[in-house]
Amino acid sequence: ERARIDEDAGLAGRAADHYAAFLERFDLPSPALEPLRR
């Protein structure tokens, strides 16, 4: 959610950090949650 907010606000560096943290922690989601990882 923070990545979405920061990207919308044009804060690319902060958004990238949040996206990367999400991907690091959410690397093997259940099939139902795979759209979030994508």
PDB file of all heavy atoms in Angstrom:
ATOM      1  N   GLU A   1       0.834  -1.209   0.000  1.00  0.00           N
ATOM      2  CA  GLU A   1       0.000   0.000   0.000  1.00  0.00           C
ATOM      3  C   GLU A   1       0.866   1.255   0.000  1.00  0.00           C
ATOM      4  O   GLU A   1       0.569   2.222  -0.715  1.00  0.00           O
ATOM      5  CB  GLU A   1      -0.950   0.007   1.197  1.00  0.00           C
ATOM      6  CG  GLU A   1      -2.109  -0.943   1.068  1.00  0.00           C
ATOM      7  CD  GLU A   1      -3.069  -0.607  -0.066  1.00  0.00           C
ATOM      8  OE1 GLU A   1      -3.201   0.573  -0.444  1.00  0.00           O
ATOM      9  OE2 GLU A   1      -3.687  -1.540  -0.580  1.00  0.00           O
ATOM     10  N   ARG A   2       1.927   1.259   0.783  1.00  0.00           N
ATOM     11  CA  ARG A   2       2.816   2.430   0.810  1.00  0.00           C
ATOM     12  C   ARG A   2       3.494   2.624  -0.541  1.00  0.00           C
ATOM     13  O   ARG A   2       3.688   3.760  -0.988  1.00  0.00           O
ATOM     14  CB  ARG A   2       3.834   2.298   1.928  1.00  0.00           C
ATOM     15  CG  ARG A   2       3.180   2.466   3.301  1.00  0.00           C
ATOM     16  CD  ARG A   2       4.151   2.345   4.418  1.00  0.00           C
ATOM     17  NE  ARG A   2       5.068   3.478   4.431  1.00  0.00           N
ATOM     18  CZ  ARG A   2       6.118   3.556   5.231  1.00  0.00           C
ATOM     19  NH1 ARG A   2       6.384   2.581   6.078  1.00  0.00           N
ATOM     20  NH2 ARG A   2       6.905   4.604   5.202  1.00  0.00           N
ATOM     21  N   ALA A   3       3.860   1.532  -1.193  1.00  0.00           N
ATOM     22  CA  ALA A   3       4.463   1.641  -2.527  1.00  0.00           C
ATOM     23  C   ALA A   3       3.482   2.272  -3.504  1.00  0.00           C
ATOM     24  O   ALA A   3       3.854   3.146  -4.293  1.00  0.00           O
ATOM     25  CB  ALA A   3       4.894   0.262  -3.019  1.00  0.00           C
ATOM     26  N   ARG A   4       2.231   1.846  -3.455  1.00  0.00           N
ATOM     27  CA  ARG A   4       1.198   2.419  -4.335  1.00  0.00           C
ATOM     28  C   ARG A   4       1.053   3.920  -4.092  1.00  0.00           C
ATOM     29  O   ARG A   4       0.977   4.714  -5.034  1.00  0.00           O
ATOM     30  CB  ARG A   4      -0.139   1.732  -4.085  1.00  0.00           C
ATOM     31  CG  ARG A   4      -0.208   0.294  -4.520  1.00  0.00           C
ATOM     32  CD  ARG A   4      -1.457  -0.351  -3.971  1.00  0.00           C
ATOM     33  NE  ARG A   4      -1.649  -1.714  -4.420  1.00  0.00           N
ATOM     34  CZ  ARG A   4      -2.391  -2.601  -3.769  1.00  0.00           C
ATOM     35  NH1 ARG A   4      -3.005  -2.261  -2.646  1.00  0.00           N
ATOM     36  NH2 ARG A   4      -2.509  -3.828  -4.237  1.00  0.00           N
ATOM     37  N   ILE A   5       1.007   4.300  -2.823  1.00  0.00           N
ATOM     38  CA  ILE A   5       0.843   5.706  -2.462  1.00  0.00           C
ATOM     39  C   ILE A   5       2.046   6.520  -2.931  1.00  0.00           C
ATOM     40  O   ILE A   5       1.899   7.586  -3.536  1.00  0.00           O
ATOM     41  CB  ILE A   5       0.646   5.850  -0.939  1.00  0.00           C
ATOM     42  CG1 ILE A   5      -0.701   5.271  -0.522  1.00  0.00           C
ATOM     43  CG2 ILE A   5       0.779   7.302  -0.502  1.00  0.00           C
ATOM     44  CD1 ILE A   5      -0.853   5.067   0.976  1.00  0.00           C
ATOM     45  N   ASP A   6       3.247   6.017  -2.658  1.00  0.00           N
ATOM     46  CA  ASP A   6       4.454   6.755  -3.037  1.00  0.00           C
ATOM     47  C   ASP A   6       4.601   6.842  -4.554  1.00  0.00           C
ATOM     48  O   ASP A   6       5.012   7.880  -5.075  1.00  0.00           O
ATOM     49  CB  ASP A   6       5.699   6.110  -2.421  1.00  0.00           C
ATOM     50  CG  ASP A   6       5.786   6.332  -0.921  1.00  0.00           C
ATOM     51  OD1 ASP A   6       5.086   7.238  -0.404  1.00  0.00           O
ATOM     52  OD2 ASP A   6       6.542   5.611  -0.254  1.00  0.00           O
ATOM     53  N   GLU A   7       4.264   5.775  -5.255  1.00  0.00           N
ATOM     54  CA  GLU A   7       4.345   5.833  -6.721  1.00  0.00           C
ATOM     55  C   GLU A   7       3.364   6.871  -7.255  1.00  0.00           C
ATOM     56  O   GLU A   7       3.713   7.672  -8.124  1.00  0.00           O
ATOM     57  CB  GLU A   7       4.058   4.465  -7.331  1.00  0.00           C
ATOM     58  CG  GLU A   7       4.195   4.474  -8.841  1.00  0.00           C
ATOM     59  CD  GLU A   7       3.987   3.124  -9.501  1.00  0.00           C
ATOM     60  OE1 GLU A   7       3.677   2.131  -8.797  1.00  0.00           O
ATOM     61  OE2 GLU A   7       4.144   3.057 -10.730  1.00  0.00           O
ATOM     62  N   ASP A   8       2.150   6.875  -6.733  1.00  0.00           N
ATOM     63  CA  ASP A   8       1.144   7.842  -7.169  1.00  0.00           C
ATOM     64  C   ASP A   8       1.589   9.273  -6.884  1.00  0.00           C
ATOM     65  O   ASP A   8       1.278  10.192  -7.636  1.00  0.00           O
ATOM     66  CB  ASP A   8      -0.191   7.553  -6.472  1.00  0.00           C
ATOM     67  CG  ASP A   8      -1.314   8.414  -7.009  1.00  0.00           C
ATOM     68  OD1 ASP A   8      -1.529   8.403  -8.237  1.00  0.00           O
ATOM     69  OD2 ASP A   8      -1.975   9.103  -6.200  1.00  0.00           O
ATOM     70  N   ALA A   9       2.358   9.458  -5.806  1.00  0.00           N
ATOM     71  CA  ALA A   9       2.840  10.789  -5.439  1.00  0.00           C
ATOM     72  C   ALA A   9       4.114  11.178  -6.186  1.00  0.00           C
ATOM     73  O   ALA A   9       4.646  12.261  -5.989  1.00  0.00           O
ATOM     74  CB  ALA A   9       3.098  10.849  -3.930  1.00  0.00           C
ATOM     75  N   GLY A  10       4.623  10.271  -7.033  1.00  0.00           N
ATOM     76  CA  GLY A  10       5.829  10.571  -7.793  1.00  0.00           C
ATOM     77  C   GLY A  10       7.114  10.350  -7.008  1.00  0.00           C
ATOM     78  O   GLY A  10       8.167  10.847  -7.410  1.00  0.00           O
ATOM     79  N   LEU A  11       7.042   9.620  -5.921  1.00  0.00           N
ATOM     80  CA  LEU A  11       8.219   9.353  -5.080  1.00  0.00           C
ATOM     81  C   LEU A  11       8.787   7.987  -5.470  1.00  0.00           C
ATOM     82  O   LEU A  11       8.641   6.995  -4.747  1.00  0.00           O
ATOM     83  CB  LEU A  11       7.834   9.384  -3.606  1.00  0.00           C
ATOM     84  CG  LEU A  11       7.206  10.704  -3.133  1.00  0.00           C
ATOM     85  CD1 LEU A  11       6.638  10.572  -1.730  1.00  0.00           C
ATOM     86  CD2 LEU A  11       8.239  11.816  -3.205  1.00  0.00           C
ATOM     87  N   ALA A  12       9.434   7.941  -6.618  1.00  0.00           N
ATOM     88  CA  ALA A  12       9.881   6.678  -7.212  1.00  0.00           C
ATOM     89  C   ALA A  12      10.843   5.908  -6.318  1.00  0.00           C
ATOM     90  O   ALA A  12      10.721   4.685  -6.176  1.00  0.00           O
ATOM     91  CB  ALA A  12      10.520   6.933  -8.574  1.00  0.00           C
ATOM     92  N   GLY A  13      11.801   6.573  -5.700  1.00  0.00           N
ATOM     93  CA  GLY A  13      12.772   5.885  -4.856  1.00  0.00           C
ATOM     94  C   GLY A  13      12.121   5.216  -3.663  1.00  0.00           C
ATOM     95  O   GLY A  13      12.409   4.061  -3.344  1.00  0.00           O
ATOM     96  N   ARG A  14      11.230   5.948  -3.002  1.00  0.00           N
ATOM     97  CA  ARG A  14      10.530   5.372  -1.852  1.00  0.00           C
ATOM     98  C   ARG A  14       9.616   4.247  -2.288  1.00  0.00           C
ATOM     99  O   ARG A  14       9.525   3.214  -1.615  1.00  0.00           O
ATOM    100  CB  ARG A  14       9.743   6.451  -1.114  1.00  0.00           C
ATOM    101  CG  ARG A  14      10.648   7.314  -0.267  1.00  0.00           C
ATOM    102  CD  ARG A  14       9.988   8.444   0.456  1.00  0.00           C
ATOM    103  NE  ARG A  14       8.606   8.260   0.870  1.00  0.00           N
ATOM    104  CZ  ARG A  14       7.905   9.199   1.474  1.00  0.00           C
ATOM    105  NH1 ARG A  14       8.462  10.376   1.724  1.00  0.00           N
ATOM    106  NH2 ARG A  14       6.668   8.990   1.816  1.00  0.00           N
ATOM    107  N   ALA A  15       8.925   4.436  -3.416  1.00  0.00           N
ATOM    108  CA  ALA A  15       8.044   3.380  -3.920  1.00  0.00           C
ATOM    109  C   ALA A  15       8.849   2.129  -4.246  1.00  0.00           C
ATOM    110  O   ALA A  15       8.443   1.015  -3.901  1.00  0.00           O
ATOM    111  CB  ALA A  15       7.289   3.870  -5.154  1.00  0.00           C
ATOM    112  N   ALA A  16      10.001   2.294  -4.884  1.00  0.00           N
ATOM    113  CA  ALA A  16      10.848   1.148  -5.219  1.00  0.00           C
ATOM    114  C   ALA A  16      11.278   0.405  -3.966  1.00  0.00           C
ATOM    115  O   ALA A  16      11.270  -0.837  -3.938  1.00  0.00           O
ATOM    116  CB  ALA A  16      12.064   1.598  -6.026  1.00  0.00           C
ATOM    117  N   ASP A  17      11.638   1.142  -2.920  1.00  0.00           N
ATOM    118  CA  ASP A  17      12.043   0.507  -1.661  1.00  0.00           C
ATOM    119  C   ASP A  17      10.904  -0.331  -1.075  1.00  0.00           C
ATOM    120  O   ASP A  17      11.123  -1.454  -0.614  1.00  0.00           O
ATOM    121  CB  ASP A  17      12.484   1.549  -0.637  1.00  0.00           C
ATOM    122  CG  ASP A  17      13.803   2.212  -0.980  1.00  0.00           C
ATOM    123  OD1 ASP A  17      14.533   1.690  -1.852  1.00  0.00           O
ATOM    124  OD2 ASP A  17      14.100   3.261  -0.375  1.00  0.00           O
ATOM    125  N   HIS A  18       9.692   0.210  -1.104  1.00  0.00           N
ATOM    126  CA  HIS A  18       8.551  -0.529  -0.556  1.00  0.00           C
ATOM    127  C   HIS A  18       8.182  -1.723  -1.426  1.00  0.00           C
ATOM    128  O   HIS A  18       7.869  -2.800  -0.903  1.00  0.00           O
ATOM    129  CB  HIS A  18       7.353   0.394  -0.354  1.00  0.00           C
ATOM    130  CG  HIS A  18       7.543   1.384   0.743  1.00  0.00           C
ATOM    131  ND1 HIS A  18       7.841   1.027   2.045  1.00  0.00           N
ATOM    132  CD2 HIS A  18       7.489   2.734   0.741  1.00  0.00           C
ATOM    133  CE1 HIS A  18       7.951   2.109   2.793  1.00  0.00           C
ATOM    134  NE2 HIS A  18       7.749   3.155   2.020  1.00  0.00           N
ATOM    135  N   TYR A  19       8.202  -1.531  -2.739  1.00  0.00           N
ATOM    136  CA  TYR A  19       7.942  -2.675  -3.626  1.00  0.00           C
ATOM    137  C   TYR A  19       8.976  -3.777  -3.390  1.00  0.00           C
ATOM    138  O   TYR A  19       8.635  -4.953  -3.308  1.00  0.00           O
ATOM    139  CB  TYR A  19       7.975  -2.262  -5.096  1.00  0.00           C
ATOM    140  CG  TYR A  19       6.728  -1.585  -5.607  1.00  0.00           C
ATOM    141  CD1 TYR A  19       6.818  -0.384  -6.313  1.00  0.00           C
ATOM    142  CD2 TYR A  19       5.470  -2.150  -5.444  1.00  0.00           C
ATOM    143  CE1 TYR A  19       5.678   0.233  -6.813  1.00  0.00           C
ATOM    144  CE2 TYR A  19       4.328  -1.527  -5.939  1.00  0.00           C
ATOM    145  CZ  TYR A  19       4.437  -0.341  -6.627  1.00  0.00           C
ATOM    146  OH  TYR A  19       3.311   0.262  -7.126  1.00  0.00           O
ATOM    147  N   ALA A  20      10.251  -3.405  -3.293  1.00  0.00           N
ATOM    148  CA  ALA A  20      11.309  -4.395  -3.086  1.00  0.00           C
ATOM    149  C   ALA A  20      11.127  -5.123  -1.756  1.00  0.00           C
ATOM    150  O   ALA A  20      11.293  -6.352  -1.679  1.00  0.00           O
ATOM    151  CB  ALA A  20      12.674  -3.725  -3.145  1.00  0.00           C
ATOM    152  N   ALA A  21      10.774  -4.395  -0.708  1.00  0.00           N
ATOM    153  CA  ALA A  21      10.551  -5.025   0.595  1.00  0.00           C
ATOM    154  C   ALA A  21       9.370  -5.984   0.535  1.00  0.00           C
ATOM    155  O   ALA A  21       9.412  -7.078   1.100  1.00  0.00           O
ATOM    156  CB  ALA A  21      10.319  -3.957   1.667  1.00  0.00           C
ATOM    157  N   PHE A  22       8.319  -5.575  -0.165  1.00  0.00           N
ATOM    158  CA  PHE A  22       7.169  -6.469  -0.334  1.00  0.00           C
ATOM    159  C   PHE A  22       7.584  -7.745  -1.054  1.00  0.00           C
ATOM    160  O   PHE A  22       7.271  -8.850  -0.612  1.00  0.00           O
ATOM    161  CB  PHE A  22       6.053  -5.768  -1.114  1.00  0.00           C
ATOM    162  CG  PHE A  22       4.907  -6.688  -1.454  1.00  0.00           C
ATOM    163  CD1 PHE A  22       3.883  -6.905  -0.546  1.00  0.00           C
ATOM    164  CD2 PHE A  22       4.859  -7.349  -2.668  1.00  0.00           C
ATOM    165  CE1 PHE A  22       2.829  -7.760  -0.852  1.00  0.00           C
ATOM    166  CE2 PHE A  22       3.820  -8.208  -2.980  1.00  0.00           C
ATOM    167  CZ  PHE A  22       2.801  -8.405  -2.063  1.00  0.00           C
ATOM    168  N   LEU A  23       8.288  -7.598  -2.161  1.00  0.00           N
ATOM    169  CA  LEU A  23       8.690  -8.761  -2.952  1.00  0.00           C
ATOM    170  C   LEU A  23       9.623  -9.686  -2.181  1.00  0.00           C
ATOM    171  O   LEU A  23       9.559 -10.907  -2.332  1.00  0.00           O
ATOM    172  CB  LEU A  23       9.340  -8.305  -4.262  1.00  0.00           C
ATOM    173  CG  LEU A  23       8.374  -7.667  -5.255  1.00  0.00           C
ATOM    174  CD1 LEU A  23       9.140  -6.960  -6.364  1.00  0.00           C
ATOM    175  CD2 LEU A  23       7.411  -8.704  -5.810  1.00  0.00           C
ATOM    176  N   GLU A  24      10.470  -9.116  -1.351  1.00  0.00           N
ATOM    177  CA  GLU A  24      11.379  -9.926  -0.551  1.00  0.00           C
ATOM    178  C   GLU A  24      10.605 -10.778   0.466  1.00  0.00           C
ATOM    179  O   GLU A  24      10.938 -11.934   0.706  1.00  0.00           O
ATOM    180  CB  GLU A  24      12.360  -9.025   0.192  1.00  0.00           C
ATOM    181  CG  GLU A  24      13.338  -9.763   1.067  1.00  0.00           C
ATOM    182  CD  GLU A  24      14.276  -8.810   1.787  1.00  0.00           C
ATOM    183  OE1 GLU A  24      14.770  -7.860   1.148  1.00  0.00           O
ATOM    184  OE2 GLU A  24      14.492  -9.018   2.997  1.00  0.00           O
ATOM    185  N   ARG A  25       9.571 -10.202   1.040  1.00  0.00           N
ATOM    186  CA  ARG A  25       8.814 -10.890   2.081  1.00  0.00           C
ATOM    187  C   ARG A  25       7.671 -11.740   1.534  1.00  0.00           C
ATOM    188  O   ARG A  25       7.145 -12.599   2.223  1.00  0.00           O
ATOM    189  CB  ARG A  25       8.256  -9.864   3.068  1.00  0.00           C
ATOM    190  CG  ARG A  25       9.338  -9.211   3.899  1.00  0.00           C
ATOM    191  CD  ARG A  25       8.861  -7.893   4.477  1.00  0.00           C
ATOM    192  NE  ARG A  25       9.828  -7.250   5.311  1.00  0.00           N
ATOM    193  CZ  ARG A  25      10.842  -6.522   4.868  1.00  0.00           C
ATOM    194  NH1 ARG A  25      11.033  -6.376   3.569  1.00  0.00           N
ATOM    195  NH2 ARG A  25      11.676  -5.938   5.696  1.00  0.00           N
ATOM    196  N   PHE A  26       7.270 -11.495   0.309  1.00  0.00           N
ATOM    197  CA  PHE A  26       6.086 -12.126  -0.287  1.00  0.00           C
ATOM    198  C   PHE A  26       6.516 -12.878  -1.540  1.00  0.00           C
ATOM    199  O   PHE A  26       5.908 -12.759  -2.592  1.00  0.00           O
ATOM    200  CB  PHE A  26       5.084 -11.014  -0.644  1.00  0.00           C
ATOM    201  CG  PHE A  26       3.640 -11.410  -0.552  1.00  0.00           C
ATOM    202  CD1 PHE A  26       3.021 -11.548   0.680  1.00  0.00           C
ATOM    203  CD2 PHE A  26       2.896 -11.610  -1.688  1.00  0.00           C
ATOM    204  CE1 PHE A  26       1.682 -11.881   0.763  1.00  0.00           C
ATOM    205  CE2 PHE A  26       1.554 -11.943  -1.616  1.00  0.00           C
ATOM    206  CZ  PHE A  26       0.948 -12.083  -0.389  1.00  0.00           C
ATOM    207  N   ASP A  27       7.561 -13.665  -1.414  1.00  0.00           N
ATOM    208  CA  ASP A  27       8.162 -14.281  -2.596  1.00  0.00           C
ATOM    209  C   ASP A  27       7.464 -15.549  -3.061  1.00  0.00           C
ATOM    210  O   ASP A  27       7.593 -15.935  -4.217  1.00  0.00           O
ATOM    211  CB  ASP A  27       9.649 -14.546  -2.370  1.00  0.00           C
ATOM    212  CG  ASP A  27       9.910 -15.489  -1.220  1.00  0.00           C
ATOM    213  OD1 ASP A  27       9.050 -15.595  -0.326  1.00  0.00           O
ATOM    214  OD2 ASP A  27      10.983 -16.107  -1.205  1.00  0.00           O
ATOM    215  N   LEU A  28       6.710 -16.209  -2.210  1.00  0.00           N
ATOM    216  CA  LEU A  28       6.014 -17.438  -2.599  1.00  0.00           C
ATOM    217  C   LEU A  28       4.553 -17.392  -2.130  1.00  0.00           C
ATOM    218  O   LEU A  28       4.134 -18.173  -1.270  1.00  0.00           O
ATOM    219  CB  LEU A  28       6.719 -18.669  -2.008  1.00  0.00           C
ATOM    220  CG  LEU A  28       8.121 -18.935  -2.519  1.00  0.00           C
ATOM    221  CD1 LEU A  28       8.779 -20.048  -1.709  1.00  0.00           C
ATOM    222  CD2 LEU A  28       8.088 -19.291  -3.996  1.00  0.00           C
ATOM    223  N   PRO A  29       3.751 -16.496  -2.700  1.00  0.00           N
ATOM    224  CA  PRO A  29       2.367 -16.385  -2.240  1.00  0.00           C
ATOM    225  C   PRO A  29       1.530 -17.576  -2.695  1.00  0.00           C
ATOM    226  O   PRO A  29       1.887 -18.278  -3.640  1.00  0.00           O
ATOM    227  CB  PRO A  29       1.884 -15.097  -2.907  1.00  0.00           C
ATOM    228  CG  PRO A  29       2.684 -15.025  -4.159  1.00  0.00           C
ATOM    229  CD  PRO A  29       4.044 -15.568  -3.789  1.00  0.00           C
ATOM    230  N   SER A  30       0.415 -17.762  -2.037  1.00  0.00           N
ATOM    231  CA  SER A  30      -0.544 -18.763  -2.490  1.00  0.00           C
ATOM    232  C   SER A  30      -1.073 -18.309  -3.852  1.00  0.00           C
ATOM    233  O   SER A  30      -1.008 -17.114  -4.187  1.00  0.00           O
ATOM    234  CB  SER A  30      -1.689 -18.897  -1.489  1.00  0.00           C
ATOM    235  OG  SER A  30      -2.459 -17.713  -1.473  1.00  0.00           O
ATOM    236  N   PRO A  31      -1.586 -19.226  -4.655  1.00  0.00           N
ATOM    237  CA  PRO A  31      -2.087 -18.840  -5.988  1.00  0.00           C
ATOM    238  C   PRO A  31      -3.110 -17.701  -5.952  1.00  0.00           C
ATOM    239  O   PRO A  31      -3.110 -16.850  -6.831  1.00  0.00           O
ATOM    240  CB  PRO A  31      -2.706 -20.138  -6.513  1.00  0.00           C
ATOM    241  CG  PRO A  31      -1.924 -21.218  -5.837  1.00  0.00           C
ATOM    242  CD  PRO A  31      -1.643 -20.678  -4.450  1.00  0.00           C
ATOM    243  N   ALA A  32      -3.936 -17.661  -4.929  1.00  0.00           N
ATOM    244  CA  ALA A  32      -4.946 -16.606  -4.844  1.00  0.00           C
ATOM    245  C   ALA A  32      -4.329 -15.228  -4.662  1.00  0.00           C
ATOM    246  O   ALA A  32      -4.923 -14.217  -5.050  1.00  0.00           O
ATOM    247  CB  ALA A  32      -5.913 -16.894  -3.698  1.00  0.00           C
ATOM    248  N   LEU A  33      -3.122 -15.169  -4.080  1.00  0.00           N
ATOM    249  CA  LEU A  33      -2.466 -13.886  -3.826  1.00  0.00           C
ATOM    250  C   LEU A  33      -1.360 -13.572  -4.832  1.00  0.00           C
ATOM    251  O   LEU A  33      -0.717 -12.529  -4.740  1.00  0.00           O
ATOM    252  CB  LEU A  33      -1.914 -13.867  -2.404  1.00  0.00           C
ATOM    253  CG  LEU A  33      -2.971 -13.992  -1.308  1.00  0.00           C
ATOM    254  CD1 LEU A  33      -2.327 -14.055   0.062  1.00  0.00           C
ATOM    255  CD2 LEU A  33      -3.971 -12.856  -1.376  1.00  0.00           C
ATOM    256  N   GLU A  34      -1.157 -14.437  -5.794  1.00  0.00           N
ATOM    257  CA  GLU A  34      -0.137 -14.213  -6.826  1.00  0.00           C
ATOM    258  C   GLU A  34      -0.327 -12.886  -7.566  1.00  0.00           C
ATOM    259  O   GLU A  34       0.653 -12.222  -7.904  1.00  0.00           O
ATOM    260  CB  GLU A  34      -0.124 -15.382  -7.808  1.00  0.00           C
ATOM    261  CG  GLU A  34       0.841 -15.225  -8.960  1.00  0.00           C
ATOM    262  CD  GLU A  34       2.303 -15.145  -8.567  1.00  0.00           C
ATOM    263  OE1 GLU A  34       2.673 -15.597  -7.463  1.00  0.00           O
ATOM    264  OE2 GLU A  34       3.085 -14.610  -9.372  1.00  0.00           O
ATOM    265  N   PRO A  35      -1.563 -12.424  -7.820  1.00  0.00           N
ATOM    266  CA  PRO A  35      -1.722 -11.125  -8.484  1.00  0.00           C
ATOM    267  C   PRO A  35      -1.054  -9.970  -7.723  1.00  0.00           C
ATOM    268  O   PRO A  35      -0.565  -9.022  -8.344  1.00  0.00           O
ATOM    269  CB  PRO A  35      -3.237 -10.935  -8.557  1.00  0.00           C
ATOM    270  CG  PRO A  35      -3.772 -12.325  -8.615  1.00  0.00           C
ATOM    271  CD  PRO A  35      -2.854 -13.120  -7.697  1.00  0.00           C
ATOM    272  N   LEU A  36      -1.006 -10.049  -6.390  1.00  0.00           N
ATOM    273  CA  LEU A  36      -0.329  -8.996  -5.625  1.00  0.00           C
ATOM    274  C   LEU A  36       1.169  -9.003  -5.903  1.00  0.00           C
ATOM    275  O   LEU A  36       1.785  -7.947  -6.045  1.00  0.00           O
ATOM    276  CB  LEU A  36      -0.584  -9.170  -4.125  1.00  0.00           C
ATOM    277  CG  LEU A  36      -2.017  -8.991  -3.656  1.00  0.00           C
ATOM    278  CD1 LEU A  36      -2.123  -9.249  -2.154  1.00  0.00           C
ATOM    279  CD2 LEU A  36      -2.535  -7.616  -4.010  1.00  0.00           C
ATOM    280  N   ARG A  37       1.757 -10.196  -5.986  1.00  0.00           N
ATOM    281  CA  ARG A  37       3.183 -10.286  -6.276  1.00  0.00           C
ATOM    282  C   ARG A  37       3.475  -9.757  -7.671  1.00  0.00           C
ATOM    283  O   ARG A  37       4.416  -9.004  -7.876  1.00  0.00           O
ATOM    284  CB  ARG A  37       3.687 -11.726  -6.131  1.00  0.00           C
ATOM    285  CG  ARG A  37       5.224 -11.806  -6.136  1.00  0.00           C
ATOM    286  CD  ARG A  37       5.738 -13.178  -6.494  1.00  0.00           C
ATOM    287  NE  ARG A  37       5.311 -13.599  -7.808  1.00  0.00           N
ATOM    288  CZ  ARG A  37       5.860 -13.171  -8.953  1.00  0.00           C
ATOM    289  NH1 ARG A  37       6.832 -12.304  -8.952  1.00  0.00           N
ATOM    290  NH2 ARG A  37       5.405 -13.594 -10.108  1.00  0.00           N
ATOM    291  N   ARG A  38       2.630 -10.109  -8.636  1.00  0.00           N
ATOM    292  CA  ARG A  38       2.828  -9.610 -10.005  1.00  0.00           C
ATOM    293  C   ARG A  38       2.679  -8.091 -10.059  1.00  0.00           C
ATOM    294  O   ARG A  38       3.439  -7.414 -10.745  1.00  0.00           O
ATOM    295  CB  ARG A  38       1.857 -10.296 -10.964  1.00  0.00           C
ATOM    296  CG  ARG A  38       2.237 -11.721 -11.290  1.00  0.00           C
ATOM    297  CD  ARG A  38       1.498 -12.255 -12.508  1.00  0.00           C
ATOM    298  NE  ARG A  38       0.053 -12.118 -12.419  1.00  0.00           N
ATOM    299  CZ  ARG A  38      -0.768 -13.051 -11.950  1.00  0.00           C
ATOM    300  NH1 ARG A  38      -0.305 -14.202 -11.519  1.00  0.00           N
ATOM    301  NH2 ARG A  38      -2.066 -12.830 -11.919  1.00  0.00           N
TER     302      ARG A  38
END
